[in-house]
Amino acid sequence: QVHLVESGGGLVQAGGSLRLSCAASGRTLSSSPMGWFRQAPGKERAFVAAISLGGGRTDYADSVKGRLTISRDNAKNTVYLQMSSLKPEDTAVYYCAAGAAGTTIETIKSNQALYWGQGTQVTVSS
């Protein structure tokens, strides 16, 4: 059983920064694509960012390009989301996701992740 635990969320002013972390336990996820989604109040969960197995390829939702950066440390079994120039519309619960071993970044983008974390709240005040 794989467990994903997010941390790093909180309250920040517009224009500020946060770094989210997602630590995996249960098995190594170095062979799995990983990503982040978010769900704002009253809205469906939406794709934010994804990263390939070795970290060589990343992809982002248009709304976050240039402001959010996904990265991973396979030695620590952890994926990160560096968030800068935050806007009130970034307010949401952020979820970490991991795809099946050996699959591509498209698995995450197409919302076919196998494992999900419980989420961490990010609130951006204006």
C-alpha atoms as a PDB file:
ATOM      1  CA  GLN A   1       0.000   0.000   0.000  1.00  0.00           C
ATOM      2  CA  VAL A   2       1.334   3.388  -1.002  1.00  0.00           C
ATOM      3  CA  HIS A   3       0.705   6.410   1.165  1.00  0.00           C
ATOM      4  CA  LEU A   4       1.206   9.967  -0.031  1.00  0.00           C
ATOM      5  CA  VAL A   5       1.369  12.697   2.591  1.00  0.00           C
ATOM      6  CA  GLU A   6       1.331  16.347   1.604  1.00  0.00           C
ATOM      7  CA  SER A   7       2.695  19.155   3.742  1.00  0.00           C
ATOM      8  CA  GLY A   8       3.629  22.816   3.433  1.00  0.00           C
ATOM      9  CA  GLY A   9       0.239  24.368   2.889  1.00  0.00           C
ATOM     10  CA  GLY A  10      -0.926  27.436   4.752  1.00  0.00           C
ATOM     11  CA  LEU A  11      -2.057  31.032   4.545  1.00  0.00           C
ATOM     12  CA  VAL A  12      -0.041  33.465   2.451  1.00  0.00           C
ATOM     13  CA  GLN A  13      -0.581  36.929   1.031  1.00  0.00           C
ATOM     14  CA  ALA A  14      -0.949  37.509  -2.675  1.00  0.00           C
ATOM     15  CA  GLY A  15       2.456  37.646  -4.309  1.00  0.00           C
ATOM     16  CA  GLY A  16       3.956  35.343  -1.707  1.00  0.00           C
ATOM     17  CA  SER A  17       5.466  31.890  -1.969  1.00  0.00           C
ATOM     18  CA  LEU A  18       4.974  28.419  -0.544  1.00  0.00           C
ATOM     19  CA  ARG A  19       6.607  25.060  -1.120  1.00  0.00           C
ATOM     20  CA  LEU A  20       4.480  21.966  -0.925  1.00  0.00           C
ATOM     21  CA  SER A  21       6.007  18.566  -0.299  1.00  0.00           C
ATOM     22  CA  CYS A  22       4.603  15.114  -0.899  1.00  0.00           C
ATOM     23  CA  ALA A  23       6.344  12.241   0.833  1.00  0.00           C
ATOM     24  CA  ALA A  24       5.616   8.716  -0.306  1.00  0.00           C
ATOM     25  CA  SER A  25       5.841   5.587   1.804  1.00  0.00           C
ATOM     26  CA  GLY A  26       5.085   1.952   1.178  1.00  0.00           C
ATOM     27  CA  ARG A  27       7.247   1.570  -1.897  1.00  0.00           C
ATOM     28  CA  THR A  28       9.584   3.596  -3.970  1.00  0.00           C
ATOM     29  CA  LEU A  29       7.924   5.810  -6.535  1.00  0.00           C
ATOM     30  CA  SER A  30      11.051   6.518  -8.542  1.00  0.00           C
ATOM     31  CA  SER A  31       9.539   4.566 -11.439  1.00  0.00           C
ATOM     32  CA  SER A  32       6.222   6.428 -11.351  1.00  0.00           C
ATOM     33  CA  PRO A  33       5.146   9.748 -12.808  1.00  0.00           C
ATOM     34  CA  MET A  34       3.873  12.118 -10.144  1.00  0.00           C
ATOM     35  CA  GLY A  35       1.868  15.280 -10.053  1.00  0.00           C
ATOM     36  CA  TRP A  36      -0.271  17.816  -8.272  1.00  0.00           C
ATOM     37  CA  PHE A  37      -3.948  18.629  -8.572  1.00  0.00           C
ATOM     38  CA  ARG A  38      -6.055  21.198  -6.776  1.00  0.00           C
ATOM     39  CA  GLN A  39      -9.682  21.630  -5.871  1.00  0.00           C
ATOM     40  CA  ALA A  40     -11.098  25.054  -5.147  1.00  0.00           C
ATOM     41  CA  PRO A  41     -14.373  25.495  -3.254  1.00  0.00           C
ATOM     42  CA  GLY A  42     -17.322  24.621  -5.448  1.00  0.00           C
ATOM     43  CA  LYS A  43     -15.121  23.410  -8.292  1.00  0.00           C
ATOM     44  CA  GLU A  44     -13.912  20.074  -9.584  1.00  0.00           C
ATOM     45  CA  ARG A  45     -10.402  18.837  -8.934  1.00  0.00           C
ATOM     46  CA  ALA A  46      -8.079  20.124 -11.649  1.00  0.00           C
ATOM     47  CA  PHE A  47      -4.628  19.250 -12.949  1.00  0.00           C
ATOM     48  CA  VAL A  48      -1.812  21.547 -11.850  1.00  0.00           C
ATOM     49  CA  ALA A  49       1.527  19.957 -12.695  1.00  0.00           C
ATOM     50  CA  ALA A  50       3.173  16.636 -13.513  1.00  0.00           C
ATOM     51  CA  ILE A  51       6.710  15.272 -13.626  1.00  0.00           C
ATOM     52  CA  SER A  52       8.153  12.221 -15.341  1.00  0.00           C
ATOM     53  CA  LEU A  53       9.955   9.315 -13.674  1.00  0.00           C
ATOM     54  CA  GLY A  54      13.408  10.826 -13.712  1.00  0.00           C
ATOM     55  CA  GLY A  55      12.244  14.417 -13.585  1.00  0.00           C
ATOM     56  CA  GLY A  56      13.367  15.215 -17.108  1.00  0.00           C
ATOM     57  CA  ARG A  57       9.946  16.215 -18.331  1.00  0.00           C
ATOM     58  CA  THR A  58       7.385  18.440 -16.660  1.00  0.00           C
ATOM     59  CA  ASP A  59       4.044  19.871 -17.686  1.00  0.00           C
ATOM     60  CA  TYR A  60       1.770  22.507 -16.203  1.00  0.00           C
ATOM     61  CA  ALA A  61      -1.719  23.867 -16.415  1.00  0.00           C
ATOM     62  CA  ASP A  62      -1.737  27.122 -18.344  1.00  0.00           C
ATOM     63  CA  SER A  63      -2.954  29.021 -15.289  1.00  0.00           C
ATOM     64  CA  VAL A  64       0.197  28.234 -13.296  1.00  0.00           C
ATOM     65  CA  LYS A  65       2.938  28.265 -15.940  1.00  0.00           C
ATOM     66  CA  GLY A  66       5.834  30.473 -14.925  1.00  0.00           C
ATOM     67  CA  ARG A  67       4.715  30.646 -11.279  1.00  0.00           C
ATOM     68  CA  LEU A  68       4.710  27.042 -10.050  1.00  0.00           C
ATOM     69  CA  THR A  69       7.536  24.542 -10.410  1.00  0.00           C
ATOM     70  CA  ILE A  70       7.327  20.815  -9.827  1.00  0.00           C
ATOM     71  CA  SER A  71      10.387  18.784  -8.912  1.00  0.00           C
ATOM     72  CA  ARG A  72      11.213  15.463  -7.334  1.00  0.00           C
ATOM     73  CA  ASP A  73      13.914  13.838  -5.221  1.00  0.00           C
ATOM     74  CA  ASN A  74      13.756  10.115  -5.858  1.00  0.00           C
ATOM     75  CA  ALA A  75      16.306   9.414  -3.141  1.00  0.00           C
ATOM     76  CA  LYS A  76      13.835  10.882  -0.659  1.00  0.00           C
ATOM     77  CA  ASN A  77      10.749   9.512  -2.408  1.00  0.00           C
ATOM     78  CA  THR A  78       9.387  13.038  -2.392  1.00  0.00           C
ATOM     79  CA  VAL A  79       7.878  15.433  -4.919  1.00  0.00           C
ATOM     80  CA  TYR A  80       7.692  19.190  -4.456  1.00  0.00           C
ATOM     81  CA  LEU A  81       5.644  22.079  -5.761  1.00  0.00           C
ATOM     82  CA  GLN A  82       7.340  25.452  -5.460  1.00  0.00           C
ATOM     83  CA  MET A  83       4.688  28.132  -5.670  1.00  0.00           C
ATOM     84  CA  SER A  84       5.530  31.787  -6.217  1.00  0.00           C
ATOM     85  CA  SER A  85       3.668  34.954  -7.224  1.00  0.00           C
ATOM     86  CA  LEU A  86       0.608  33.404  -5.653  1.00  0.00           C
ATOM     87  CA  LYS A  87      -2.835  34.772  -6.457  1.00  0.00           C
ATOM     88  CA  PRO A  88      -6.123  34.529  -4.556  1.00  0.00           C
ATOM     89  CA  GLU A  89      -7.398  32.233  -7.313  1.00  0.00           C
ATOM     90  CA  ASP A  90      -4.705  29.728  -6.336  1.00  0.00           C
ATOM     91  CA  THR A  91      -6.629  29.097  -3.123  1.00  0.00           C
ATOM     92  CA  ALA A  92      -7.522  25.405  -3.034  1.00  0.00           C
ATOM     93  CA  VAL A  93      -6.788  22.062  -1.481  1.00  0.00           C
ATOM     94  CA  TYR A  94      -3.719  20.682  -3.223  1.00  0.00           C
ATOM     95  CA  TYR A  95      -3.429  16.937  -3.790  1.00  0.00           C
ATOM     96  CA  CYS A  96      -0.391  14.853  -4.653  1.00  0.00           C
ATOM     97  CA  ALA A  97      -0.837  12.002  -7.116  1.00  0.00           C
ATOM     98  CA  ALA A  98       1.291   9.106  -8.356  1.00  0.00           C
ATOM     99  CA  GLY A  99       0.807   7.016 -11.452  1.00  0.00           C
ATOM    100  CA  ALA A 100       1.427   3.338 -12.042  1.00  0.00           C
ATOM    101  CA  ALA A 101       5.061   2.263 -12.376  1.00  0.00           C
ATOM    102  CA  GLY A 102       6.455   2.638 -15.856  1.00  0.00           C
ATOM    103  CA  THR A 103       3.697   4.895 -17.155  1.00  0.00           C
ATOM    104  CA  THR A 104       4.189   8.315 -18.613  1.00  0.00           C
ATOM    105  CA  ILE A 105       3.385  11.839 -17.587  1.00  0.00           C
ATOM    106  CA  GLU A 106       0.172  11.538 -19.605  1.00  0.00           C
ATOM    107  CA  THR A 107      -1.174   9.191 -16.929  1.00  0.00           C
ATOM    108  CA  ILE A 108      -1.197  12.068 -14.482  1.00  0.00           C
ATOM    109  CA  LYS A 109      -2.480  14.650 -16.938  1.00  0.00           C
ATOM    110  CA  SER A 110      -5.402  12.423 -17.914  1.00  0.00           C
ATOM    111  CA  ASN A 111      -6.406  11.979 -14.270  1.00  0.00           C
ATOM    112  CA  GLN A 112      -5.500   8.293 -14.156  1.00  0.00           C
ATOM    113  CA  ALA A 113      -3.275   8.396 -11.081  1.00  0.00           C
ATOM    114  CA  LEU A 114      -3.290   5.292  -8.897  1.00  0.00           C
ATOM    115  CA  TYR A 115      -2.477   6.931  -5.595  1.00  0.00           C
ATOM    116  CA  TRP A 116      -3.647  10.127  -3.987  1.00  0.00           C
ATOM    117  CA  GLY A 117      -2.753  12.045  -0.880  1.00  0.00           C
ATOM    118  CA  GLN A 118      -5.241  13.555   1.550  1.00  0.00           C
ATOM    119  CA  GLY A 119      -4.532  17.104   0.457  1.00  0.00           C
ATOM    120  CA  THR A 120      -3.135  20.269   2.003  1.00  0.00           C
ATOM    121  CA  GLN A 121      -4.942  23.602   2.130  1.00  0.00           C
ATOM    122  CA  VAL A 122      -3.414  26.640   0.454  1.00  0.00           C
ATOM    123  CA  THR A 123      -5.117  29.964   1.083  1.00  0.00           C
ATOM    124  CA  VAL A 124      -3.970  33.138  -0.652  1.00  0.00           C
ATOM    125  CA  SER A 125      -5.311  36.382   0.744  1.00  0.00           C
ATOM    126  CA  SER A 126      -5.672  39.526  -1.333  1.00  0.00           C
END
